[in-house]
N, C-alpha and C. Protein backbone atom coordinates (compact mmCIF):
# COMPACT_ATOMS: atom_id res chain seq x y z
N MET A 1 0.00 -85.68 134.60
CA MET A 1 0.05 -84.95 133.36
C MET A 1 -0.22 -83.51 133.65
N LYS A 2 -1.17 -83.16 134.53
CA LYS A 2 -1.47 -81.83 134.80
C LYS A 2 -0.28 -81.05 135.53
N THR A 3 0.43 -81.88 136.26
CA THR A 3 1.72 -81.32 136.97
C THR A 3 2.73 -80.91 136.04
N ASN A 4 2.91 -81.69 135.00
CA ASN A 4 3.82 -81.38 133.95
C ASN A 4 3.58 -80.05 133.20
N ILE A 5 2.17 -79.88 132.95
CA ILE A 5 1.70 -78.68 132.30
C ILE A 5 1.87 -77.37 133.16
N TYR A 6 1.68 -77.57 134.44
CA TYR A 6 1.86 -76.48 135.37
C TYR A 6 3.37 -76.10 135.48
N ILE A 7 4.22 -77.16 135.59
CA ILE A 7 5.62 -76.88 135.60
C ILE A 7 6.19 -76.20 134.28
N LEU A 8 5.71 -76.62 133.11
CA LEU A 8 5.99 -76.04 131.87
C LEU A 8 5.55 -74.57 131.86
N LEU A 9 4.30 -74.35 132.21
CA LEU A 9 3.76 -72.92 132.32
C LEU A 9 4.68 -71.98 133.29
N PHE A 10 5.02 -72.57 134.41
CA PHE A 10 5.84 -71.90 135.38
C PHE A 10 7.08 -71.48 134.75
N PHE A 11 7.78 -72.35 134.14
CA PHE A 11 9.14 -72.02 133.54
C PHE A 11 8.97 -71.09 132.33
N LEU A 12 7.92 -71.16 131.68
CA LEU A 12 7.63 -70.26 130.46
C LEU A 12 7.48 -68.83 131.06
N VAL A 13 6.60 -68.66 132.02
CA VAL A 13 6.40 -67.39 132.63
C VAL A 13 7.72 -66.82 133.26
N VAL A 14 8.51 -67.53 133.90
CA VAL A 14 9.74 -67.16 134.45
C VAL A 14 10.74 -66.69 133.33
N PHE A 15 10.81 -67.51 132.28
CA PHE A 15 11.63 -67.17 131.20
C PHE A 15 11.19 -65.77 130.63
N CYS A 16 9.86 -65.59 130.39
CA CYS A 16 9.46 -64.34 129.75
C CYS A 16 9.76 -63.22 130.71
N ILE A 17 9.54 -63.33 131.94
CA ILE A 17 9.81 -62.17 132.89
C ILE A 17 11.28 -61.82 132.84
N THR A 18 12.20 -62.85 132.92
CA THR A 18 13.61 -62.54 132.98
C THR A 18 14.17 -62.02 131.65
N ASP A 19 13.49 -62.29 130.60
CA ASP A 19 13.94 -61.98 129.30
C ASP A 19 13.41 -60.65 128.69
N CYS A 20 12.31 -60.11 129.34
CA CYS A 20 11.64 -58.96 128.92
C CYS A 20 12.02 -57.74 129.87
N LYS A 21 12.85 -56.87 129.35
CA LYS A 21 13.05 -55.58 130.08
C LYS A 21 13.31 -54.51 129.01
N LYS A 22 12.79 -53.38 129.44
CA LYS A 22 12.75 -52.25 128.47
C LYS A 22 14.11 -51.52 128.39
N TYR A 23 14.79 -51.35 129.61
CA TYR A 23 15.98 -50.52 129.63
C TYR A 23 17.17 -51.41 129.94
N PRO A 24 18.31 -51.04 129.46
CA PRO A 24 19.57 -51.90 129.59
C PRO A 24 19.80 -52.29 131.08
N GLU A 25 19.59 -51.33 131.94
CA GLU A 25 19.78 -51.60 133.41
C GLU A 25 18.60 -52.00 134.16
N GLY A 26 17.47 -52.17 133.58
CA GLY A 26 16.24 -52.67 134.18
C GLY A 26 15.27 -51.61 134.54
N PRO A 27 14.32 -51.93 135.19
CA PRO A 27 14.00 -53.17 135.89
C PRO A 27 13.48 -54.25 134.99
N ARG A 28 13.51 -55.42 135.45
CA ARG A 28 12.97 -56.57 134.59
C ARG A 28 11.47 -56.44 134.37
N ILE A 29 10.80 -56.09 135.53
CA ILE A 29 9.31 -55.96 135.51
C ILE A 29 8.87 -54.94 136.48
N SER A 30 7.83 -54.17 136.18
CA SER A 30 7.36 -53.10 137.02
C SER A 30 5.75 -53.11 136.77
N LEU A 31 5.06 -52.94 137.81
CA LEU A 31 3.64 -52.75 137.83
C LEU A 31 3.12 -51.33 137.60
N ARG A 32 4.07 -50.42 137.77
CA ARG A 32 3.86 -48.93 137.49
C ARG A 32 4.32 -48.59 136.18
N THR A 33 3.51 -47.65 135.55
CA THR A 33 3.84 -47.26 134.22
C THR A 33 5.12 -46.39 134.24
N LYS A 34 5.68 -46.23 132.99
CA LYS A 34 6.94 -45.46 132.99
C LYS A 34 6.67 -43.98 133.34
N LYS A 35 5.48 -43.50 132.86
CA LYS A 35 5.12 -42.11 133.13
C LYS A 35 4.96 -41.84 134.64
N ILE A 36 4.39 -42.79 135.33
CA ILE A 36 4.28 -42.70 136.89
C ILE A 36 5.61 -42.82 137.51
N ARG A 37 6.50 -43.72 137.06
CA ARG A 37 7.70 -43.93 137.68
C ARG A 37 8.66 -42.65 137.58
N ILE A 38 8.50 -42.01 136.52
CA ILE A 38 9.49 -40.80 136.22
C ILE A 38 9.00 -39.62 137.11
N GLN A 39 7.85 -39.59 137.55
CA GLN A 39 7.38 -38.40 138.31
C GLN A 39 7.96 -38.40 139.74
N GLY A 40 8.38 -37.27 140.19
CA GLY A 40 8.90 -37.09 141.50
C GLY A 40 10.05 -36.15 141.63
N VAL A 41 10.67 -36.16 142.75
CA VAL A 41 11.84 -35.18 142.99
C VAL A 41 13.07 -36.05 142.85
N TRP A 42 14.00 -35.72 141.99
CA TRP A 42 15.18 -36.37 141.72
C TRP A 42 16.36 -35.60 142.06
N TYR A 43 17.46 -36.32 142.62
CA TYR A 43 18.67 -35.67 142.99
C TYR A 43 19.85 -36.27 142.17
N THR A 44 20.82 -35.50 141.88
CA THR A 44 21.99 -35.99 141.24
C THR A 44 22.77 -36.88 142.13
N GLU A 45 22.99 -38.08 141.78
CA GLU A 45 23.73 -39.01 142.45
C GLU A 45 25.23 -39.24 141.87
N LEU A 46 25.22 -39.21 140.59
CA LEU A 46 26.49 -39.42 139.82
C LEU A 46 26.35 -38.78 138.45
N PHE A 47 27.42 -38.12 138.03
CA PHE A 47 27.44 -37.45 136.70
C PHE A 47 28.78 -37.68 136.12
N LEU A 48 28.88 -38.51 135.02
CA LEU A 48 30.19 -38.83 134.35
C LEU A 48 30.15 -38.17 133.04
N VAL A 49 31.35 -37.64 132.65
CA VAL A 49 31.61 -37.13 131.33
C VAL A 49 32.77 -37.89 130.79
N ASN A 50 32.48 -38.64 129.67
CA ASN A 50 33.51 -39.57 129.12
C ASN A 50 34.15 -40.40 130.20
N GLY A 51 33.35 -40.96 131.20
CA GLY A 51 33.77 -41.91 132.13
C GLY A 51 34.49 -41.13 133.43
N GLU A 52 34.67 -39.86 133.38
CA GLU A 52 35.28 -39.13 134.49
C GLU A 52 34.24 -38.56 135.31
N ASP A 53 34.39 -38.62 136.66
CA ASP A 53 33.37 -38.18 137.59
C ASP A 53 33.41 -36.67 137.70
N SER A 54 32.21 -36.11 137.27
CA SER A 54 32.04 -34.59 137.32
C SER A 54 30.92 -34.28 138.35
N THR A 55 30.52 -35.12 139.21
CA THR A 55 29.39 -34.96 140.10
C THR A 55 29.52 -33.83 140.97
N ALA A 56 30.67 -33.50 141.48
CA ALA A 56 30.93 -32.37 142.44
C ALA A 56 30.58 -31.02 141.69
N ASN A 57 30.88 -30.96 140.38
CA ASN A 57 30.64 -29.70 139.68
C ASN A 57 29.19 -29.30 139.63
N TYR A 58 28.27 -30.24 139.83
CA TYR A 58 26.77 -30.10 139.71
C TYR A 58 26.03 -30.20 141.01
N ILE A 59 26.65 -30.71 142.00
CA ILE A 59 25.92 -30.78 143.31
C ILE A 59 26.13 -29.66 144.16
N ILE A 60 27.27 -29.05 144.12
CA ILE A 60 27.69 -27.97 145.02
C ILE A 60 26.74 -26.78 144.89
N PRO A 61 26.43 -26.28 143.61
CA PRO A 61 25.52 -25.18 143.51
C PRO A 61 24.06 -25.51 144.11
N TYR A 62 23.75 -26.78 144.26
CA TYR A 62 22.30 -27.12 144.59
C TYR A 62 22.24 -27.65 146.04
N VAL A 63 23.05 -27.14 147.00
CA VAL A 63 23.06 -27.63 148.31
C VAL A 63 21.72 -27.50 148.93
N ASN A 64 21.10 -26.44 148.76
CA ASN A 64 19.72 -26.22 149.47
C ASN A 64 18.71 -27.11 148.95
N CYS A 65 18.72 -27.42 147.73
CA CYS A 65 17.68 -28.34 147.18
C CYS A 65 18.32 -29.30 146.21
N GLY A 66 18.86 -28.74 145.06
CA GLY A 66 19.45 -29.59 144.13
C GLY A 66 18.51 -30.51 143.41
N CYS A 67 17.30 -30.18 143.21
CA CYS A 67 16.27 -31.14 142.71
C CYS A 67 15.70 -30.75 141.38
N TYR A 68 15.38 -31.94 140.78
CA TYR A 68 14.65 -31.91 139.46
C TYR A 68 13.26 -32.44 139.86
N ASN A 69 12.22 -31.58 139.77
CA ASN A 69 10.85 -32.03 140.17
C ASN A 69 10.19 -32.21 138.84
N ILE A 70 10.00 -33.51 138.54
CA ILE A 70 9.34 -33.94 137.32
C ILE A 70 7.92 -34.33 137.61
N GLY A 71 7.03 -33.59 136.89
CA GLY A 71 5.60 -33.92 137.06
C GLY A 71 5.11 -34.61 135.80
N PRO A 72 3.72 -34.89 135.77
CA PRO A 72 3.10 -35.61 134.67
C PRO A 72 3.31 -34.90 133.21
N LYS A 73 3.42 -33.64 133.19
CA LYS A 73 3.51 -33.02 131.89
C LYS A 73 4.79 -32.11 131.78
N GLY A 74 5.33 -31.65 132.91
CA GLY A 74 6.49 -30.81 132.92
C GLY A 74 7.45 -31.06 134.05
N TYR A 75 8.44 -30.18 134.16
CA TYR A 75 9.40 -30.23 135.17
C TYR A 75 9.79 -28.86 135.70
N SER A 76 10.38 -28.87 136.79
CA SER A 76 11.04 -27.63 137.33
C SER A 76 12.32 -27.96 138.03
N ILE A 77 13.29 -27.10 137.93
CA ILE A 77 14.55 -27.29 138.43
C ILE A 77 14.84 -26.13 139.44
N TYR A 78 15.26 -26.44 140.62
CA TYR A 78 15.49 -25.37 141.60
C TYR A 78 16.95 -25.19 141.87
N LYS A 79 17.40 -24.01 141.89
CA LYS A 79 18.77 -23.61 142.32
C LYS A 79 18.60 -23.22 143.77
N ILE A 80 19.69 -22.48 144.25
CA ILE A 80 19.63 -21.95 145.55
C ILE A 80 18.62 -20.87 145.60
N GLY A 81 17.80 -20.80 146.56
CA GLY A 81 16.75 -19.88 146.72
C GLY A 81 15.47 -20.31 145.90
N SER A 82 14.87 -19.28 145.33
CA SER A 82 13.63 -19.60 144.57
C SER A 82 13.95 -19.65 143.07
N GLN A 83 15.10 -19.32 142.56
CA GLN A 83 15.32 -19.25 141.17
C GLN A 83 15.30 -20.78 140.61
N GLY A 84 14.94 -20.73 139.28
CA GLY A 84 14.91 -22.04 138.78
C GLY A 84 14.48 -22.01 137.24
N ARG A 85 14.32 -23.15 136.70
CA ARG A 85 13.95 -23.36 135.34
C ARG A 85 12.70 -24.18 135.25
N ASP A 86 11.93 -24.13 134.18
CA ASP A 86 10.86 -25.02 134.00
C ASP A 86 10.76 -25.33 132.53
N GLY A 87 9.95 -26.33 132.30
CA GLY A 87 9.72 -26.82 130.94
C GLY A 87 8.84 -27.97 130.82
N SER A 88 8.93 -28.71 129.74
CA SER A 88 8.09 -29.89 129.54
C SER A 88 8.95 -31.04 129.15
N TRP A 89 8.37 -32.27 129.13
CA TRP A 89 9.18 -33.44 128.75
C TRP A 89 8.20 -34.32 127.96
N ASP A 90 8.84 -35.23 127.25
CA ASP A 90 7.98 -36.30 126.49
C ASP A 90 8.90 -37.50 126.24
N PHE A 91 8.31 -38.64 126.06
CA PHE A 91 9.13 -39.79 125.66
C PHE A 91 9.28 -39.80 124.19
N SER A 92 10.31 -40.40 123.67
CA SER A 92 10.52 -40.62 122.22
C SER A 92 11.06 -42.01 122.03
N ASN A 93 11.23 -42.41 120.80
CA ASN A 93 11.85 -43.65 120.46
C ASN A 93 11.15 -44.82 121.20
N ASN A 94 9.81 -44.96 121.17
CA ASN A 94 9.08 -46.01 121.73
C ASN A 94 9.32 -46.04 123.25
N LYS A 95 9.45 -44.95 123.94
CA LYS A 95 9.67 -44.73 125.37
C LYS A 95 11.05 -45.26 125.84
N ASN A 96 12.00 -45.33 124.94
CA ASN A 96 13.32 -45.64 125.32
C ASN A 96 14.12 -44.32 125.59
N ASN A 97 13.67 -43.25 125.13
CA ASN A 97 14.37 -41.95 125.37
C ASN A 97 13.30 -41.00 126.02
N ILE A 98 13.90 -39.94 126.66
CA ILE A 98 13.14 -38.79 127.18
C ILE A 98 13.74 -37.54 126.70
N VAL A 99 12.91 -36.70 126.23
CA VAL A 99 13.22 -35.35 125.64
C VAL A 99 12.74 -34.23 126.60
N PHE A 100 13.71 -33.38 127.07
CA PHE A 100 13.36 -32.32 127.84
C PHE A 100 13.38 -31.04 127.11
N TYR A 101 12.32 -30.20 127.22
CA TYR A 101 12.23 -28.89 126.51
C TYR A 101 12.27 -27.88 127.52
N ASN A 102 13.17 -26.91 127.27
CA ASN A 102 13.44 -25.85 128.21
C ASN A 102 12.70 -24.62 127.87
N ASN A 103 11.72 -24.18 128.71
CA ASN A 103 10.85 -23.02 128.45
C ASN A 103 11.66 -21.62 128.58
N ASN A 104 12.69 -21.65 129.39
CA ASN A 104 13.44 -20.46 129.69
C ASN A 104 14.55 -20.09 128.75
N GLY A 105 14.78 -20.94 127.77
CA GLY A 105 15.83 -20.73 126.71
C GLY A 105 17.20 -20.81 127.21
N GLN A 106 17.51 -21.07 128.51
CA GLN A 106 18.80 -21.33 128.92
C GLN A 106 18.91 -22.74 129.56
N GLY A 107 20.05 -23.35 129.37
CA GLY A 107 20.31 -24.63 129.87
C GLY A 107 20.65 -24.50 131.32
N LEU A 108 20.49 -25.64 132.03
CA LEU A 108 20.88 -25.77 133.38
C LEU A 108 21.54 -27.19 133.62
N PRO A 109 22.78 -27.28 133.29
CA PRO A 109 23.44 -28.63 133.29
C PRO A 109 23.38 -29.22 134.69
N PRO A 110 23.41 -30.55 134.78
CA PRO A 110 23.74 -31.42 133.65
C PRO A 110 22.59 -31.98 132.80
N LEU A 111 21.39 -31.90 133.43
CA LEU A 111 20.27 -32.57 132.81
C LEU A 111 19.75 -31.76 131.61
N PHE A 112 19.87 -30.46 131.60
CA PHE A 112 19.27 -29.64 130.54
C PHE A 112 20.29 -28.77 129.94
N VAL A 113 20.63 -28.86 128.71
CA VAL A 113 21.54 -27.98 128.06
C VAL A 113 20.90 -27.50 126.84
N GLY A 114 20.56 -26.12 126.75
CA GLY A 114 19.93 -25.62 125.59
C GLY A 114 18.42 -25.79 125.75
N ASP A 115 17.71 -25.55 124.54
CA ASP A 115 16.33 -25.58 124.45
C ASP A 115 15.67 -26.98 124.45
N LYS A 116 16.44 -27.99 123.96
CA LYS A 116 15.96 -29.38 123.92
C LYS A 116 17.07 -30.38 124.10
N VAL A 117 16.89 -31.29 125.02
CA VAL A 117 17.93 -32.32 125.21
C VAL A 117 17.25 -33.70 125.23
N GLU A 118 17.79 -34.65 124.56
CA GLU A 118 17.22 -36.00 124.52
C GLU A 118 18.19 -36.95 125.12
N TRP A 119 17.81 -37.68 126.12
CA TRP A 119 18.58 -38.67 126.84
C TRP A 119 18.06 -40.10 126.58
N VAL A 120 18.91 -41.06 126.47
CA VAL A 120 18.49 -42.45 126.47
C VAL A 120 18.42 -42.99 127.87
N ILE A 121 17.17 -43.51 128.19
CA ILE A 121 16.95 -44.03 129.51
C ILE A 121 17.78 -45.43 129.72
N GLN A 122 18.48 -45.40 130.68
CA GLN A 122 19.19 -46.70 131.05
C GLN A 122 18.53 -47.46 132.07
N ARG A 123 17.89 -46.85 133.04
CA ARG A 123 17.25 -47.51 134.17
C ARG A 123 16.23 -46.58 134.67
N LEU A 124 14.96 -47.10 134.97
CA LEU A 124 13.85 -46.23 135.50
C LEU A 124 13.13 -47.08 136.46
N THR A 125 13.31 -46.82 137.74
CA THR A 125 12.58 -47.41 138.82
C THR A 125 11.98 -46.36 139.65
N ASP A 126 11.34 -46.64 140.73
CA ASP A 126 10.76 -45.56 141.57
C ASP A 126 11.92 -44.84 142.28
N LYS A 127 13.06 -45.41 142.50
CA LYS A 127 14.12 -44.77 143.31
C LYS A 127 15.31 -44.44 142.37
N GLN A 128 15.43 -44.96 141.12
CA GLN A 128 16.57 -44.73 140.25
C GLN A 128 16.24 -44.34 138.93
N PHE A 129 16.99 -43.36 138.38
CA PHE A 129 16.58 -42.78 137.05
C PHE A 129 17.92 -42.53 136.47
N TRP A 130 18.42 -43.40 135.49
CA TRP A 130 19.76 -43.34 134.89
C TRP A 130 19.57 -42.93 133.45
N LEU A 131 20.43 -42.04 133.06
CA LEU A 131 20.28 -41.46 131.66
C LEU A 131 21.64 -41.47 130.99
N LYS A 132 21.72 -41.47 129.69
CA LYS A 132 22.95 -41.46 128.83
C LYS A 132 22.63 -40.64 127.64
N ARG A 133 23.63 -39.82 127.13
CA ARG A 133 23.55 -39.23 125.84
C ARG A 133 24.90 -38.92 125.35
N ASN A 134 25.03 -38.80 124.05
CA ASN A 134 26.30 -38.47 123.36
C ASN A 134 26.02 -37.16 122.75
N ASP A 135 27.00 -36.27 122.98
CA ASP A 135 26.94 -34.96 122.35
C ASP A 135 28.31 -34.41 122.06
N ASN A 136 28.60 -33.89 120.89
CA ASN A 136 29.92 -33.43 120.52
C ASN A 136 31.15 -34.25 120.93
N ASN A 137 30.99 -35.63 120.58
CA ASN A 137 32.02 -36.56 120.80
C ASN A 137 32.25 -36.80 122.30
N LYS A 138 31.22 -36.33 123.21
CA LYS A 138 31.32 -36.75 124.64
C LYS A 138 30.24 -37.60 124.96
N GLU A 139 30.52 -38.51 125.93
CA GLU A 139 29.34 -39.37 126.45
C GLU A 139 29.04 -38.88 127.95
N TYR A 140 27.77 -38.61 128.06
CA TYR A 140 27.32 -38.14 129.46
C TYR A 140 26.49 -39.28 130.03
N TYR A 141 26.71 -39.49 131.31
CA TYR A 141 26.01 -40.57 132.03
C TYR A 141 25.51 -39.97 133.29
N LEU A 142 24.30 -39.97 133.64
CA LEU A 142 23.71 -39.26 134.78
C LEU A 142 22.83 -40.25 135.56
N LYS A 143 23.17 -40.38 136.79
CA LYS A 143 22.40 -41.21 137.69
C LYS A 143 21.61 -40.30 138.60
N LEU A 144 20.30 -40.33 138.67
CA LEU A 144 19.50 -39.61 139.56
C LEU A 144 18.91 -40.55 140.55
N LYS A 145 18.58 -40.00 141.83
CA LYS A 145 18.01 -40.82 142.85
C LYS A 145 16.81 -40.10 143.45
N ASN A 146 15.83 -40.89 143.80
CA ASN A 146 14.65 -40.39 144.57
C ASN A 146 14.59 -41.04 145.95
N PRO A 147 15.00 -40.24 146.94
CA PRO A 147 15.08 -40.79 148.26
C PRO A 147 13.76 -41.26 148.95
N ASN A 148 12.61 -40.67 148.38
CA ASN A 148 11.40 -40.97 149.00
C ASN A 148 10.86 -42.31 148.77
């Protein structure tokens, strides 16, 4: 009798874990909070505009670094040399979206365009940060990676 209860509990836990994921692309489960997972240095891996690859347009200017450094309360973006942008970020829509606020008043595509940009989080792990947004009848899909 006890064996049947343990087997039932095992399958119940497995079902809950495989059925509960926050973002469309996962992960299924993480022991680290979303706020901790988002922090780090991220590099552009793929940038699609309406399904067409536009990655090369945004990686070439950032050969020296090309990074988005996201901290607990803010971010900074580095271009070639020491020039860059900074701002803050926050979750919205029950942590399904992330909003970036630009302190410099100028956008720096693809992640930041204008003073405020909201992205829908598709995947958030320690190594992968995938975002999507629709703007002016265009769909933007951005895959960032953290090599560390």
